[in-house]
Amino acid sequence: MAIRASLSRFPVDREAHEACGLPWGVTVTPFSLEDEHGSPPTYGGDGHLLPRCENCWAYFNTYCELDQWSWNCALCGALNGLSAEAIDRYSHAQSSPEMVSSFIDLELPVAAEGSGKGAIEARPVYVAAVDLSSSEEFLELVKSALLAALEGLSPGSLFGLMTFSHKIGLYDVQGAIPVVKNVFIPPDSDAKLAVELEDAMPLLSFLAPVETCKDRIAAALETLRPTTSWERTTAAGQGLDGVFLGGRGFGVAMEALVNYLGSEYGNTYALARVFAFLTGPPDYGPGQLDTQRYGEQYASKGEDADRALLPEQTPFYKDLAAAAVESGVCVDIFAVTNEYTDLASLKFLSIESGGSLLLYSSTEDSTLPQDIYRMLSRPYAFGCVLRLRTSSEFKTGQSYGHFFPDPQYENVQHIICCDAFATYAYEFDFATTAGFSRHTDPPVIQTAFQYSIIVPRETSSNTEISSSKMSKHFVQRRLRIRSVQMSTGLNFNEIYDSVDADVVLTILVHKVIIACLEQGVREGRSLLYDWLIILVGQYNDAYKIVNVDSRNMISSADVSFSQCPQLQPIPRLIFALLRNPLLRFHEEGVHPDYRIFLQCIFSALEPSSLHRAIYPLLTSYSSPDKQSFPRHSLSRAALITSGNPIFFLDTFTNLIVYYSSTVDASIPFPPPQDCALRTMINRLKQERSITPRLVMIRGGQDDAGLFESYLIEEQDVDGNVYGGVTGFVSFLEGVSRDAIQYLKQEA
């Protein structure tokens, strides 16, 4: 569990927080295998016996004062008695994880969680839902992805194959020949299926054991063919004159599938993951979306397209997400299309059910097979409950991430499915005007993460129970707790020196995304730029860099934070964020679905990865085996002045190798597989939550447009509402002028 604070030295009171101009909060990556320092948790059992404070319900931890009969809570200071069992437990301190580490992971009794209904419920269930209103190229890509998925599934998994178009197809692959049964979808937007899926095919006939049916599943995949427009129009009774009125019934297919699986939640499975492969907008039956709202009509109506295209147009998929959560179903959406699909409406089905939403613009260079294999081969937790507690002087404010809040308990988040990359953010505020005084204990943060995992069952040759009657996996419930003691900054120097710019960026991105959704992209950009102006102004005022005399004349502002190294990355990060498609305008050619995709990706990344996605890392090599400079600014000037022949650009989603046009002919292209550059590329691919696309470019021979598009420091901030800003240097000049104006107004 990694916890990173935007300010490792907390402001002493609300006035100090407002004066520093920085967001105050933390990011939490609860299922990461290590903390932010690279240390793993201390594992143990009997998590249900861990003492809890009777006042604030915090868990006992290493920062609590302990005597023979009682303990004082490190968060609220309350005195708590110890049970006889706890007294005996803590008489041997080194044997208790909570006595030796502030980062613990304890096993909980499954029966105590009410899920001891038999071993069969632990079988992992995966369902592929494939769009047949598509092309042959799309289906070939999906086949490759699902064949990769079958290799990533653990033994004992159950797999189901479903197709959708104007009808739903259910595959039974447990016999000698794959059999498909179809249920037709009514075209009306409020109609229901005439036959329930359970009546068309019993669920246990649909869900096939992977270890015995892998070849039959592969054979069934080979039978997938696109549905023709003639089939769609005729089957729907719309064949008059051959008029095609749509045929992608994604909404009703997902609704029926959730109901289908939900009947066996907790009995056949503990978590079901649905992989939905989509190649266009749902345009048929319940859940269909009006894609006509995307176009030039906004210009003629005077509407703001950036604001109109971001909210969902129907609550159908948000309501369906709630049903999926209740049924223990996690939905991952893989959209392979450059057609407007209205991901703004569809996204809720994935992110609120704990899944991912990934967008691929074409089938040709898609990393879909690698992404789905990686998604299945890495560990994940499910049925998670996340709670962050603080000591009594401060409290959690806004929280951000792909979770849904508990309807009853404040600051409790539910997460259906969570991998080691999923990250959540919290902002803090003071509980009272007093803040932290010199006489109070140091502030403490405690994060509790209760989750389930599926683990293989260890069996021996003399097991009495027949293995055929016993599940090969079982559900293990665990409680992971991390307690962190912080310090306070007595003055602005200490606060500024404790800044983590990556965490500041993460919180800002969450706030800007919400502002864009509620008020439009233009307002989101304005809020971000205004924040930077205020930060620069308050920093200059705190360090007495600017002066206001009797004539109200102010010297030049320090916009590069020369006296505070921790703040120096921030102007570049804000400049890059304003240039990112996340905040570019609709008229600049930013596709609304791509913007939604970025919102979903950025709002789940841990801070270092988000930094890389916003401001890519450019390094140079004198040869494929020798790195010259570990970091360059994103400018053409950096390429020219370095004098190196090879550049490597890591944009998080793309890994670009660029050979300059003057490279020596003796240097091999592409880089050899055993060189240092290739080793770096392979390592980065393995570390990513999604598979980055590798692009090799030879300057002067190949199209270098992709590489050059990331050299942003010499480019305009197009569509900037703050005047003619041309590149990073001019951007800083504009910030300086506006910061001076801000200080004049505040004087």
Foldseek 3Di string as FASTA:
>chain_A
DEKDWQFLFAAQFPVQVVLLLFFTWIKDLDFAQAYPVRHGAAEEEDPVQFDADPPPRHTQAQQWADDQFWIADPFARDIGGDDPVVSVVCVPQVVDRRNPALWYKYFDDVVVVVLPPAFLQAAEEEEEEEELQDAPLLLVLVLLQVLLLLVLADARHWYAYWYFWQWIWGWQQPDPAIDIFIFGFAQDQPDATPDQPCVRPNPVRRTHGSVVRVVSVSVVSVPRHHDDQCNQCVVNVNCVVHDRQTIGQVLNNLLSVLVNLLVCDSNNYVAYEYEYEAAAARRGYHPGDDPVVDDDVCVVVVHACQAVLQAAPDCSLLVSLVSNLNSRYAYAYEYAAPYDHSVSNNVNNHLALQHAYHYHHHSPQDPSSVLSSLVSNAWKWAQKKKAKDKRQQKGWDDKFFSWDADPPDPRITTHGMHGSFFMMMITMHTPDRSGHDPPDFFMKMKMKMKTKGKDADDDDPPDPDDPVRHRRIGIIIMIIMHMDGGHHDPASVSRLQRGQLLSSLLVLLRVLLVCCNVPNLLVSLVVLLVSLLSSQLSLCVRVVVWDQDPVGDIDFTDSQPVVGVNCRCNLVLSLLQLLDLLRDGVVVPRRSVVNVSCSRVSRGGDRVLNSCQSQKFKWAAQALAGTDGRGDQLAVVRVVVVPHQWMWIRNLQATEIEGAQPDDPVHDPPHDCPHPNNVVLVVSQSPHSGGHRYYYYYHPPDDCVVVNVSSQQQAWSPPDPQDTQGGSVSVSVSSRVSSSVVVSVVD
